[in-house]
C-alpha atoms as a PDB file:
ATOM      1  CA  UNK A   1       1.394 -37.034 -13.915  1.00  0.00           C
ATOM      2  CA  UNK A   2       3.733 -40.014 -14.121  1.00  0.00           C
ATOM      3  CA  UNK A   3       2.396 -43.403 -15.252  1.00  0.00           C
ATOM      4  CA  UNK A   4       3.355 -46.471 -13.212  1.00  0.00           C
ATOM      5  CA  UNK A   5       3.158 -48.995 -16.051  1.00  0.00           C
ATOM      6  CA  UNK A   6       5.116 -46.797 -18.453  1.00  0.00           C
ATOM      7  CA  UNK A   7       7.817 -46.438 -15.820  1.00  0.00           C
ATOM      8  CA  UNK A   8       8.019 -50.235 -15.540  1.00  0.00           C
ATOM      9  CA  UNK A   9       8.309 -50.658 -19.316  1.00  0.00           C
ATOM     10  CA  UNK A  10      11.085 -48.044 -19.536  1.00  0.00           C
ATOM     11  CA  UNK A  11      12.923 -49.775 -16.694  1.00  0.00           C
ATOM     12  CA  UNK A  12      12.612 -53.148 -18.432  1.00  0.00           C
ATOM     13  CA  UNK A  13      13.778 -51.959 -21.877  1.00  0.00           C
ATOM     14  CA  UNK A  14      16.172 -49.101 -21.150  1.00  0.00           C
ATOM     15  CA  UNK A  15      16.685 -49.388 -17.425  1.00  0.00           C
ATOM     16  CA  UNK A  16      20.434 -50.016 -17.581  1.00  0.00           C
ATOM     17  CA  UNK A  17      20.806 -46.509 -19.029  1.00  0.00           C
ATOM     18  CA  UNK A  18      18.567 -44.953 -16.369  1.00  0.00           C
ATOM     19  CA  UNK A  19      15.833 -43.816 -18.770  1.00  0.00           C
ATOM     20  CA  UNK A  20      13.092 -44.656 -16.272  1.00  0.00           C
ATOM     21  CA  UNK A  21      14.831 -42.527 -13.621  1.00  0.00           C
ATOM     22  CA  UNK A  22      15.020 -39.560 -15.972  1.00  0.00           C
ATOM     23  CA  UNK A  23      11.299 -40.070 -16.645  1.00  0.00           C
ATOM     24  CA  UNK A  24      10.670 -39.799 -12.895  1.00  0.00           C
ATOM     25  CA  UNK A  25      12.734 -36.551 -12.752  1.00  0.00           C
ATOM     26  CA  UNK A  26      15.453 -38.347 -10.751  1.00  0.00           C
ATOM     27  CA  UNK A  27      18.196 -36.909 -12.926  1.00  0.00           C
ATOM     28  CA  UNK A  28      21.127 -37.612 -10.611  1.00  0.00           C
ATOM     29  CA  UNK A  29      20.209 -41.295 -10.194  1.00  0.00           C
ATOM     30  CA  UNK A  30      19.500 -41.519 -13.919  1.00  0.00           C
ATOM     31  CA  UNK A  31      22.952 -40.115 -14.669  1.00  0.00           C
ATOM     32  CA  UNK A  32      24.554 -42.745 -12.407  1.00  0.00           C
ATOM     33  CA  UNK A  33      22.608 -45.491 -14.210  1.00  0.00           C
ATOM     34  CA  UNK A  34      23.679 -44.118 -17.589  1.00  0.00           C
ATOM     35  CA  UNK A  35      27.385 -43.835 -16.658  1.00  0.00           C
ATOM     36  CA  UNK A  36      27.316 -47.283 -15.046  1.00  0.00           C
ATOM     37  CA  UNK A  37      25.658 -48.794 -18.105  1.00  0.00           C
ATOM     38  CA  UNK A  38      28.159 -47.300 -20.558  1.00  0.00           C
ATOM     39  CA  UNK A  39      31.093 -48.201 -18.314  1.00  0.00           C
ATOM     40  CA  UNK A  40      29.878 -51.817 -17.949  1.00  0.00           C
ATOM     41  CA  UNK A  41      29.516 -52.198 -21.729  1.00  0.00           C
ATOM     42  CA  UNK A  42      33.074 -50.927 -22.279  1.00  0.00           C
ATOM     43  CA  UNK A  43      34.510 -53.299 -19.628  1.00  0.00           C
ATOM     44  CA  UNK A  44      32.560 -56.234 -21.065  1.00  0.00           C
ATOM     45  CA  UNK A  45      33.761 -55.477 -24.630  1.00  0.00           C
ATOM     46  CA  UNK A  46      37.424 -55.022 -23.706  1.00  0.00           C
ATOM     47  CA  UNK A  47      37.936 -57.493 -20.863  1.00  0.00           C
ATOM     48  CA  UNK A  48      35.347 -60.099 -21.681  1.00  0.00           C
ATOM     49  CA  UNK A  49      33.985 -59.930 -18.133  1.00  0.00           C
ATOM     50  CA  UNK A  50      30.159 -59.838 -18.212  1.00  0.00           C
ATOM     51  CA  UNK A  51      29.908 -56.707 -16.065  1.00  0.00           C
ATOM     52  CA  UNK A  52      27.004 -55.535 -18.226  1.00  0.00           C
ATOM     53  CA  UNK A  53      24.808 -58.051 -16.449  1.00  0.00           C
ATOM     54  CA  UNK A  54      24.911 -56.004 -13.255  1.00  0.00           C
ATOM     55  CA  UNK A  55      23.133 -52.837 -14.565  1.00  0.00           C
ATOM     56  CA  UNK A  56      20.796 -55.039 -16.617  1.00  0.00           C
ATOM     57  CA  UNK A  57      19.858 -57.014 -13.502  1.00  0.00           C
ATOM     58  CA  UNK A  58      19.384 -53.785 -11.546  1.00  0.00           C
ATOM     59  CA  UNK A  59      17.060 -52.448 -14.254  1.00  0.00           C
ATOM     60  CA  UNK A  60      15.072 -55.707 -14.199  1.00  0.00           C
ATOM     61  CA  UNK A  61      14.611 -55.433 -10.437  1.00  0.00           C
ATOM     62  CA  UNK A  62      13.400 -51.823 -10.870  1.00  0.00           C
ATOM     63  CA  UNK A  63      10.920 -52.931 -13.529  1.00  0.00           C
ATOM     64  CA  UNK A  64       9.508 -55.690 -11.307  1.00  0.00           C
ATOM     65  CA  UNK A  65       9.202 -53.295  -8.371  1.00  0.00           C
ATOM     66  CA  UNK A  66       7.363 -50.682 -10.442  1.00  0.00           C
ATOM     67  CA  UNK A  67       4.957 -53.242 -11.917  1.00  0.00           C
ATOM     68  CA  UNK A  68       4.228 -54.662  -8.444  1.00  0.00           C
ATOM     69  CA  UNK A  69       3.967 -51.299  -6.672  1.00  0.00           C
ATOM     70  CA  UNK A  70       0.397 -50.226  -5.741  1.00  0.00           C
ATOM     71  CA  UNK A  71      -0.740 -47.215  -7.717  1.00  0.00           C
ATOM     72  CA  UNK A  72      -1.428 -45.249  -4.519  1.00  0.00           C
ATOM     73  CA  UNK A  73       2.155 -45.739  -3.329  1.00  0.00           C
ATOM     74  CA  UNK A  74       3.495 -44.785  -6.748  1.00  0.00           C
ATOM     75  CA  UNK A  75       1.397 -41.616  -6.811  1.00  0.00           C
ATOM     76  CA  UNK A  76       2.421 -40.706  -3.277  1.00  0.00           C
ATOM     77  CA  UNK A  77       6.118 -41.031  -4.150  1.00  0.00           C
ATOM     78  CA  UNK A  78       6.283 -39.723  -7.681  1.00  0.00           C
ATOM     79  CA  UNK A  79       3.065 -37.735  -8.177  1.00  0.00           C
ATOM     80  CA  UNK A  80       3.039 -35.994  -4.790  1.00  0.00           C
ATOM     81  CA  UNK A  81       2.635 -32.457  -6.127  1.00  0.00           C
ATOM     82  CA  UNK A  82      -0.136 -33.437  -8.533  1.00  0.00           C
ATOM     83  CA  UNK A  83      -1.869 -35.464  -5.812  1.00  0.00           C
ATOM     84  CA  UNK A  84      -1.790 -32.487  -3.454  1.00  0.00           C
ATOM     85  CA  UNK A  85      -3.209 -30.277  -6.169  1.00  0.00           C
ATOM     86  CA  UNK A  86      -5.951 -32.803  -6.898  1.00  0.00           C
ATOM     87  CA  UNK A  87      -6.750 -33.135  -3.179  1.00  0.00           C
ATOM     88  CA  UNK A  88      -6.929 -29.371  -2.814  1.00  0.00           C
ATOM     89  CA  UNK A  89      -9.270 -29.207  -5.789  1.00  0.00           C
ATOM     90  CA  UNK A  90     -11.540 -31.851  -4.276  1.00  0.00           C
ATOM     91  CA  UNK A  91     -11.460 -30.021  -0.960  1.00  0.00           C
ATOM     92  CA  UNK A  92     -12.421 -26.723  -2.584  1.00  0.00           C
ATOM     93  CA  UNK A  93     -15.181 -28.394  -4.553  1.00  0.00           C
ATOM     94  CA  UNK A  94     -16.483 -30.080  -1.413  1.00  0.00           C
ATOM     95  CA  UNK A  95     -16.377 -26.905   0.645  1.00  0.00           C
ATOM     96  CA  UNK A  96     -17.722 -24.515  -1.980  1.00  0.00           C
ATOM     97  CA  UNK A  97     -21.476 -24.983  -1.315  1.00  0.00           C
ATOM     98  CA  UNK A  98     -21.142 -24.016   2.334  1.00  0.00           C
ATOM     99  CA  UNK A  99     -18.720 -21.193   1.785  1.00  0.00           C
ATOM    100  CA  UNK A 100     -20.851 -18.719  -0.104  1.00  0.00           C
ATOM    101  CA  UNK A 101     -23.330 -17.909   2.709  1.00  0.00           C
ATOM    102  CA  UNK A 102     -20.438 -17.067   5.007  1.00  0.00           C
ATOM    103  CA  UNK A 103     -18.869 -14.965   2.258  1.00  0.00           C
ATOM    104  CA  UNK A 104     -22.124 -13.068   1.802  1.00  0.00           C
ATOM    105  CA  UNK A 105     -22.438 -12.537   5.553  1.00  0.00           C
ATOM    106  CA  UNK A 106     -18.830 -11.366   5.715  1.00  0.00           C
ATOM    107  CA  UNK A 107     -19.515  -9.022   2.782  1.00  0.00           C
ATOM    108  CA  UNK A 108     -22.575  -7.532   4.492  1.00  0.00           C
ATOM    109  CA  UNK A 109     -20.690  -7.091   7.757  1.00  0.00           C
ATOM    110  CA  UNK A 110     -17.802  -5.450   5.961  1.00  0.00           C
ATOM    111  CA  UNK A 111     -20.113  -3.150   3.985  1.00  0.00           C
ATOM    112  CA  UNK A 112     -21.991  -2.210   7.171  1.00  0.00           C
ATOM    113  CA  UNK A 113     -18.735  -1.309   8.923  1.00  0.00           C
ATOM    114  CA  UNK A 114     -17.600   0.781   5.956  1.00  0.00           C
ATOM    115  CA  UNK A 115     -20.903   2.676   5.838  1.00  0.00           C
ATOM    116  CA  UNK A 116     -20.864   3.223   9.602  1.00  0.00           C
ATOM    117  CA  UNK A 117     -17.297   4.565   9.591  1.00  0.00           C
ATOM    118  CA  UNK A 118     -17.987   6.740   6.555  1.00  0.00           C
ATOM    119  CA  UNK A 119     -21.120   8.168   8.199  1.00  0.00           C
ATOM    120  CA  UNK A 120     -19.295   8.964  11.440  1.00  0.00           C
ATOM    121  CA  UNK A 121     -16.434  10.586   9.532  1.00  0.00           C
ATOM    122  CA  UNK A 122     -18.874  12.798   7.601  1.00  0.00           C
ATOM    123  CA  UNK A 123     -20.710  13.669  10.823  1.00  0.00           C
ATOM    124  CA  UNK A 124     -17.489  14.723  12.580  1.00  0.00           C
ATOM    125  CA  UNK A 125     -16.511  16.791   9.543  1.00  0.00           C
ATOM    126  CA  UNK A 126     -19.864  18.588   9.509  1.00  0.00           C
ATOM    127  CA  UNK A 127     -21.181  16.961   6.311  1.00  0.00           C
ATOM    128  CA  UNK A 128     -24.494  16.024   7.872  1.00  0.00           C
ATOM    129  CA  UNK A 129     -26.427  15.313   4.657  1.00  0.00           C
ATOM    130  CA  UNK A 130     -23.777  12.826   3.542  1.00  0.00           C
ATOM    131  CA  UNK A 131     -23.692  11.313   7.033  1.00  0.00           C
ATOM    132  CA  UNK A 132     -27.477  10.877   7.036  1.00  0.00           C
ATOM    133  CA  UNK A 133     -27.327   9.156   3.647  1.00  0.00           C
ATOM    134  CA  UNK A 134     -24.683   6.696   4.879  1.00  0.00           C
ATOM    135  CA  UNK A 135     -26.598   5.980   8.096  1.00  0.00           C
ATOM    136  CA  UNK A 136     -29.760   5.317   6.055  1.00  0.00           C
ATOM    137  CA  UNK A 137     -27.829   2.853   3.875  1.00  0.00           C
ATOM    138  CA  UNK A 138     -26.422   1.148   6.973  1.00  0.00           C
ATOM    139  CA  UNK A 139     -29.916   0.845   8.468  1.00  0.00           C
ATOM    140  CA  UNK A 140     -31.144  -0.785   5.248  1.00  0.00           C
ATOM    141  CA  UNK A 141     -28.583  -3.546   5.965  1.00  0.00           C
ATOM    142  CA  UNK A 142     -29.089  -3.718   9.751  1.00  0.00           C
ATOM    143  CA  UNK A 143     -32.497  -2.160  10.536  1.00  0.00           C
ATOM    144  CA  UNK A 144     -32.534  -3.424  14.146  1.00  0.00           C
ATOM    145  CA  UNK A 145     -29.382  -1.643  15.306  1.00  0.00           C
ATOM    146  CA  UNK A 146     -30.477   0.902  17.962  1.00  0.00           C
ATOM    147  CA  UNK A 147     -27.188   2.817  17.819  1.00  0.00           C
ATOM    148  CA  UNK A 148     -27.557   3.404  14.080  1.00  0.00           C
ATOM    149  CA  UNK A 149     -31.004   4.919  14.649  1.00  0.00           C
ATOM    150  CA  UNK A 150     -29.676   7.059  17.500  1.00  0.00           C
ATOM    151  CA  UNK A 151     -26.798   8.349  15.363  1.00  0.00           C
ATOM    152  CA  UNK A 152     -29.207   9.092  12.527  1.00  0.00           C
ATOM    153  CA  UNK A 153     -31.468  10.973  14.972  1.00  0.00           C
ATOM    154  CA  UNK A 154     -28.483  13.054  16.083  1.00  0.00           C
ATOM    155  CA  UNK A 155     -27.594  13.723  12.445  1.00  0.00           C
ATOM    156  CA  UNK A 156     -31.101  14.893  11.570  1.00  0.00           C
ATOM    157  CA  UNK A 157     -31.097  17.061  14.696  1.00  0.00           C
ATOM    158  CA  UNK A 158     -27.933  18.756  13.446  1.00  0.00           C
ATOM    159  CA  UNK A 159     -29.734  19.278  10.125  1.00  0.00           C
ATOM    160  CA  UNK A 160     -32.641  20.808  12.120  1.00  0.00           C
ATOM    161  CA  UNK A 161     -35.074  18.196  10.814  1.00  0.00           C
ATOM    162  CA  UNK A 162     -36.836  17.619  14.119  1.00  0.00           C
ATOM    163  CA  UNK A 163     -39.529  15.328  12.688  1.00  0.00           C
ATOM    164  CA  UNK A 164     -37.087  12.698  11.403  1.00  0.00           C
ATOM    165  CA  UNK A 165     -34.841  13.210  14.417  1.00  0.00           C
ATOM    166  CA  UNK A 166     -37.657  12.419  16.864  1.00  0.00           C
ATOM    167  CA  UNK A 167     -38.764   9.485  14.713  1.00  0.00           C
ATOM    168  CA  UNK A 168     -35.355   7.789  14.725  1.00  0.00           C
ATOM    169  CA  UNK A 169     -34.758   8.633  18.381  1.00  0.00           C
ATOM    170  CA  UNK A 170     -38.048   6.921  19.193  1.00  0.00           C
ATOM    171  CA  UNK A 171     -37.012   3.916  17.064  1.00  0.00           C
ATOM    172  CA  UNK A 172     -33.641   3.642  18.789  1.00  0.00           C
ATOM    173  CA  UNK A 173     -35.327   3.513  22.208  1.00  0.00           C
ATOM    174  CA  UNK A 174     -37.819   0.936  20.935  1.00  0.00           C
ATOM    175  CA  UNK A 175     -34.911  -1.253  19.809  1.00  0.00           C
ATOM    176  CA  UNK A 176     -33.181  -1.051  23.180  1.00  0.00           C
ATOM    177  CA  UNK A 177     -31.219   2.206  23.415  1.00  0.00           C
ATOM    178  CA  UNK A 178     -31.376   3.284  27.074  1.00  0.00           C
ATOM    179  CA  UNK A 179     -28.618   5.844  27.604  1.00  0.00           C
ATOM    180  CA  UNK A 180     -30.939   8.528  28.947  1.00  0.00           C
ATOM    181  CA  UNK A 181     -28.090  10.766  30.102  1.00  0.00           C
ATOM    182  CA  UNK A 182     -26.760  10.891  26.567  1.00  0.00           C
ATOM    183  CA  UNK A 183     -30.174  11.899  25.254  1.00  0.00           C
ATOM    184  CA  UNK A 184     -30.244  14.775  27.751  1.00  0.00           C
ATOM    185  CA  UNK A 185     -26.614  15.890  27.362  1.00  0.00           C
ATOM    186  CA  UNK A 186     -25.430  15.013  23.856  1.00  0.00           C
ATOM    187  CA  UNK A 187     -24.633  18.266  22.048  1.00  0.00           C
ATOM    188  CA  UNK A 188     -26.005  16.931  18.757  1.00  0.00           C
ATOM    189  CA  UNK A 189     -29.481  16.617  20.315  1.00  0.00           C
ATOM    190  CA  UNK A 190     -29.463  20.108  21.830  1.00  0.00           C
ATOM    191  CA  UNK A 191     -31.669  21.366  19.000  1.00  0.00           C
ATOM    192  CA  UNK A 192     -34.367  18.804  19.858  1.00  0.00           C
ATOM    193  CA  UNK A 193     -34.284  19.744  23.523  1.00  0.00           C
ATOM    194  CA  UNK A 194     -35.417  23.280  22.665  1.00  0.00           C
ATOM    195  CA  UNK A 195     -38.842  21.978  21.601  1.00  0.00           C
ATOM    196  CA  UNK A 196     -41.795  21.349  23.916  1.00  0.00           C
ATOM    197  CA  UNK A 197     -42.176  18.020  22.112  1.00  0.00           C
ATOM    198  CA  UNK A 198     -38.980  16.850  23.788  1.00  0.00           C
ATOM    199  CA  UNK A 199     -40.619  17.169  27.220  1.00  0.00           C
ATOM    200  CA  UNK A 200     -43.593  15.207  25.915  1.00  0.00           C
ATOM    201  CA  UNK A 201     -41.204  12.601  24.549  1.00  0.00           C
ATOM    202  CA  UNK A 202     -39.447  12.237  27.925  1.00  0.00           C
ATOM    203  CA  UNK A 203     -42.684  12.160  29.937  1.00  0.00           C
ATOM    204  CA  UNK A 204     -43.970   9.410  27.653  1.00  0.00           C
ATOM    205  CA  UNK A 205     -41.056   7.152  28.608  1.00  0.00           C
ATOM    206  CA  UNK A 206     -38.757   8.444  25.856  1.00  0.00           C
ATOM    207  CA  UNK A 207     -41.281   7.377  23.241  1.00  0.00           C
ATOM    208  CA  UNK A 208     -43.510   9.247  20.850  1.00  0.00           C
ATOM    209  CA  UNK A 209     -47.231   8.904  21.608  1.00  0.00           C
ATOM    210  CA  UNK A 210     -48.433   5.489  20.449  1.00  0.00           C
ATOM    211  CA  UNK A 211     -51.456   6.987  18.696  1.00  0.00           C
ATOM    212  CA  UNK A 212     -49.317   9.449  16.794  1.00  0.00           C
ATOM    213  CA  UNK A 213     -49.727  13.185  16.853  1.00  0.00           C
ATOM    214  CA  UNK A 214     -53.368  14.027  17.424  1.00  0.00           C
ATOM    215  CA  UNK A 215     -54.991  16.978  15.638  1.00  0.00           C
ATOM    216  CA  UNK A 216     -53.867  20.141  17.315  1.00  0.00           C
ATOM    217  CA  UNK A 217     -50.617  18.507  18.543  1.00  0.00           C
ATOM    218  CA  UNK A 218     -48.666  18.675  15.298  1.00  0.00           C
ATOM    219  CA  UNK A 219     -47.243  21.994  16.448  1.00  0.00           C
ATOM    220  CA  UNK A 220     -45.412  20.124  19.229  1.00  0.00           C
ATOM    221  CA  UNK A 221     -42.691  19.432  16.699  1.00  0.00           C
ATOM    222  CA  UNK A 222     -42.574  23.074  15.637  1.00  0.00           C
ATOM    223  CA  UNK A 223     -41.704  26.275  17.402  1.00  0.00           C
ATOM    224  CA  UNK A 224     -44.832  28.154  18.576  1.00  0.00           C
ATOM    225  CA  UNK A 225     -46.171  30.449  15.823  1.00  0.00           C
ATOM    226  CA  UNK A 226     -45.668  34.197  16.180  1.00  0.00           C
ATOM    227  CA  UNK A 227     -49.320  35.077  15.763  1.00  0.00           C
ATOM    228  CA  UNK A 228     -50.562  32.653  18.390  1.00  0.00           C
ATOM    229  CA  UNK A 229     -51.188  34.510  21.642  1.00  0.00           C
ATOM    230  CA  UNK A 230     -50.832  32.551  24.834  1.00  0.00           C
ATOM    231  CA  UNK A 231     -51.942  33.478  28.344  1.00  0.00           C
ATOM    232  CA  UNK A 232     -49.371  34.353  30.947  1.00  0.00           C
ATOM    233  CA  UNK A 233     -47.786  31.361  32.493  1.00  0.00           C
ATOM    234  CA  UNK A 234     -47.056  30.729  36.082  1.00  0.00           C
ATOM    235  CA  UNK A 235     -43.557  31.036  37.448  1.00  0.00           C
ATOM    236  CA  UNK A 236     -42.527  27.395  36.752  1.00  0.00           C
ATOM    237  CA  UNK A 237     -43.258  27.933  33.066  1.00  0.00           C
ATOM    238  CA  UNK A 238     -41.057  31.030  33.163  1.00  0.00           C
ATOM    239  CA  UNK A 239     -38.295  28.830  34.546  1.00  0.00           C
ATOM    240  CA  UNK A 240     -38.770  26.467  31.609  1.00  0.00           C
ATOM    241  CA  UNK A 241     -38.455  29.416  29.210  1.00  0.00           C
ATOM    242  CA  UNK A 242     -35.190  30.407  30.858  1.00  0.00           C
ATOM    243  CA  UNK A 243     -33.902  26.862  30.489  1.00  0.00           C
ATOM    244  CA  UNK A 244     -34.802  26.841  26.800  1.00  0.00           C
ATOM    245  CA  UNK A 245     -33.130  30.205  26.253  1.00  0.00           C
ATOM    246  CA  UNK A 246     -30.056  28.901  28.044  1.00  0.00           C
ATOM    247  CA  UNK A 247     -29.882  25.886  25.727  1.00  0.00           C
ATOM    248  CA  UNK A 248     -30.264  28.213  22.725  1.00  0.00           C
ATOM    249  CA  UNK A 249     -27.337  30.250  24.022  1.00  0.00           C
ATOM    250  CA  UNK A 250     -25.258  27.089  24.324  1.00  0.00           C
ATOM    251  CA  UNK A 251     -26.082  26.170  20.730  1.00  0.00           C
ATOM    252  CA  UNK A 252     -24.984  29.636  19.645  1.00  0.00           C
ATOM    253  CA  UNK A 253     -21.715  29.384  21.581  1.00  0.00           C
ATOM    254  CA  UNK A 254     -20.918  26.007  20.024  1.00  0.00           C
ATOM    255  CA  UNK A 255     -21.593  27.324  16.531  1.00  0.00           C
ATOM    256  CA  UNK A 256     -24.570  25.045  15.886  1.00  0.00           C
ATOM    257  CA  UNK A 257     -26.856  28.077  15.383  1.00  0.00           C
ATOM    258  CA  UNK A 258     -25.897  31.238  13.563  1.00  0.00           C
ATOM    259  CA  UNK A 259     -26.493  34.598  15.217  1.00  0.00           C
ATOM    260  CA  UNK A 260     -29.475  35.237  12.949  1.00  0.00           C
ATOM    261  CA  UNK A 261     -31.021  31.827  13.744  1.00  0.00           C
ATOM    262  CA  UNK A 262     -30.390  32.392  17.441  1.00  0.00           C
ATOM    263  CA  UNK A 263     -32.193  35.735  17.393  1.00  0.00           C
ATOM    264  CA  UNK A 264     -35.110  34.287  15.429  1.00  0.00           C
ATOM    265  CA  UNK A 265     -35.554  31.347  17.806  1.00  0.00           C
ATOM    266  CA  UNK A 266     -35.200  33.624  20.815  1.00  0.00           C
ATOM    267  CA  UNK A 267     -37.790  36.051  19.454  1.00  0.00           C
ATOM    268  CA  UNK A 268     -40.228  33.218  18.764  1.00  0.00           C
ATOM    269  CA  UNK A 269     -39.867  31.870  22.280  1.00  0.00           C
ATOM    270  CA  UNK A 270     -40.293  35.282  23.899  1.00  0.00           C
ATOM    271  CA  UNK A 271     -43.307  36.134  21.729  1.00  0.00           C
ATOM    272  CA  UNK A 272     -44.899  32.780  22.511  1.00  0.00           C
ATOM    273  CA  UNK A 273     -44.682  33.550  26.254  1.00  0.00           C
ATOM    274  CA  UNK A 274     -45.843  37.199  26.002  1.00  0.00           C
END
């Protein structure tokens, strides 16, 4: 940073040679001062004409101007780059306290988006365990996002974990998810729709019972046991069985269930209605 008083002193003592201009990085003007000073000395020595007084007077005027110049004007003209740097530093220092919360919020938003995209990519690729892990991490950041809970329910349904699937589906509806058609038609939830508990869930306003599963109702989240005999149902129940078998067949066609799993589920359903 250039000093105003030092510039004035250099102009007063060595101004006719342009030293003060070189100090201010005005090399071209300094060179003109230097050449003019040397030339005036030579003319004065050889011709006797006091031409040297002209550069000396010019240097004196420069010195007076620099001494009288306000420091702010001097800094603006000759310390412009340093002043800008100093201003930027003050601005950063002034803005720093309020910047960090926004940075943290931006970081959380960015991390949430990354986890969401990673989870969806794993889900589409069939890596359901990895997708569930990413959705769980995303929910830990944004626990009130109904779509995250719905996607996690669909993921657990693909993993055939009906308990967690129903739990997160219930949570998504509680938080505002209301796409009922998607719940009834989304392929990823086809596994849940094969359970009697799904009908209970729908009849209860797409919510799990508020009191939880009562004793004797835990089996609603499981397929009916083989050894449990049930009386013959009326014709409407038979229609429900056909609908469930049809959904099982769709799962088999889409590759969600293997042939062995399809036969096992089918046998359980038929035995439960016999």
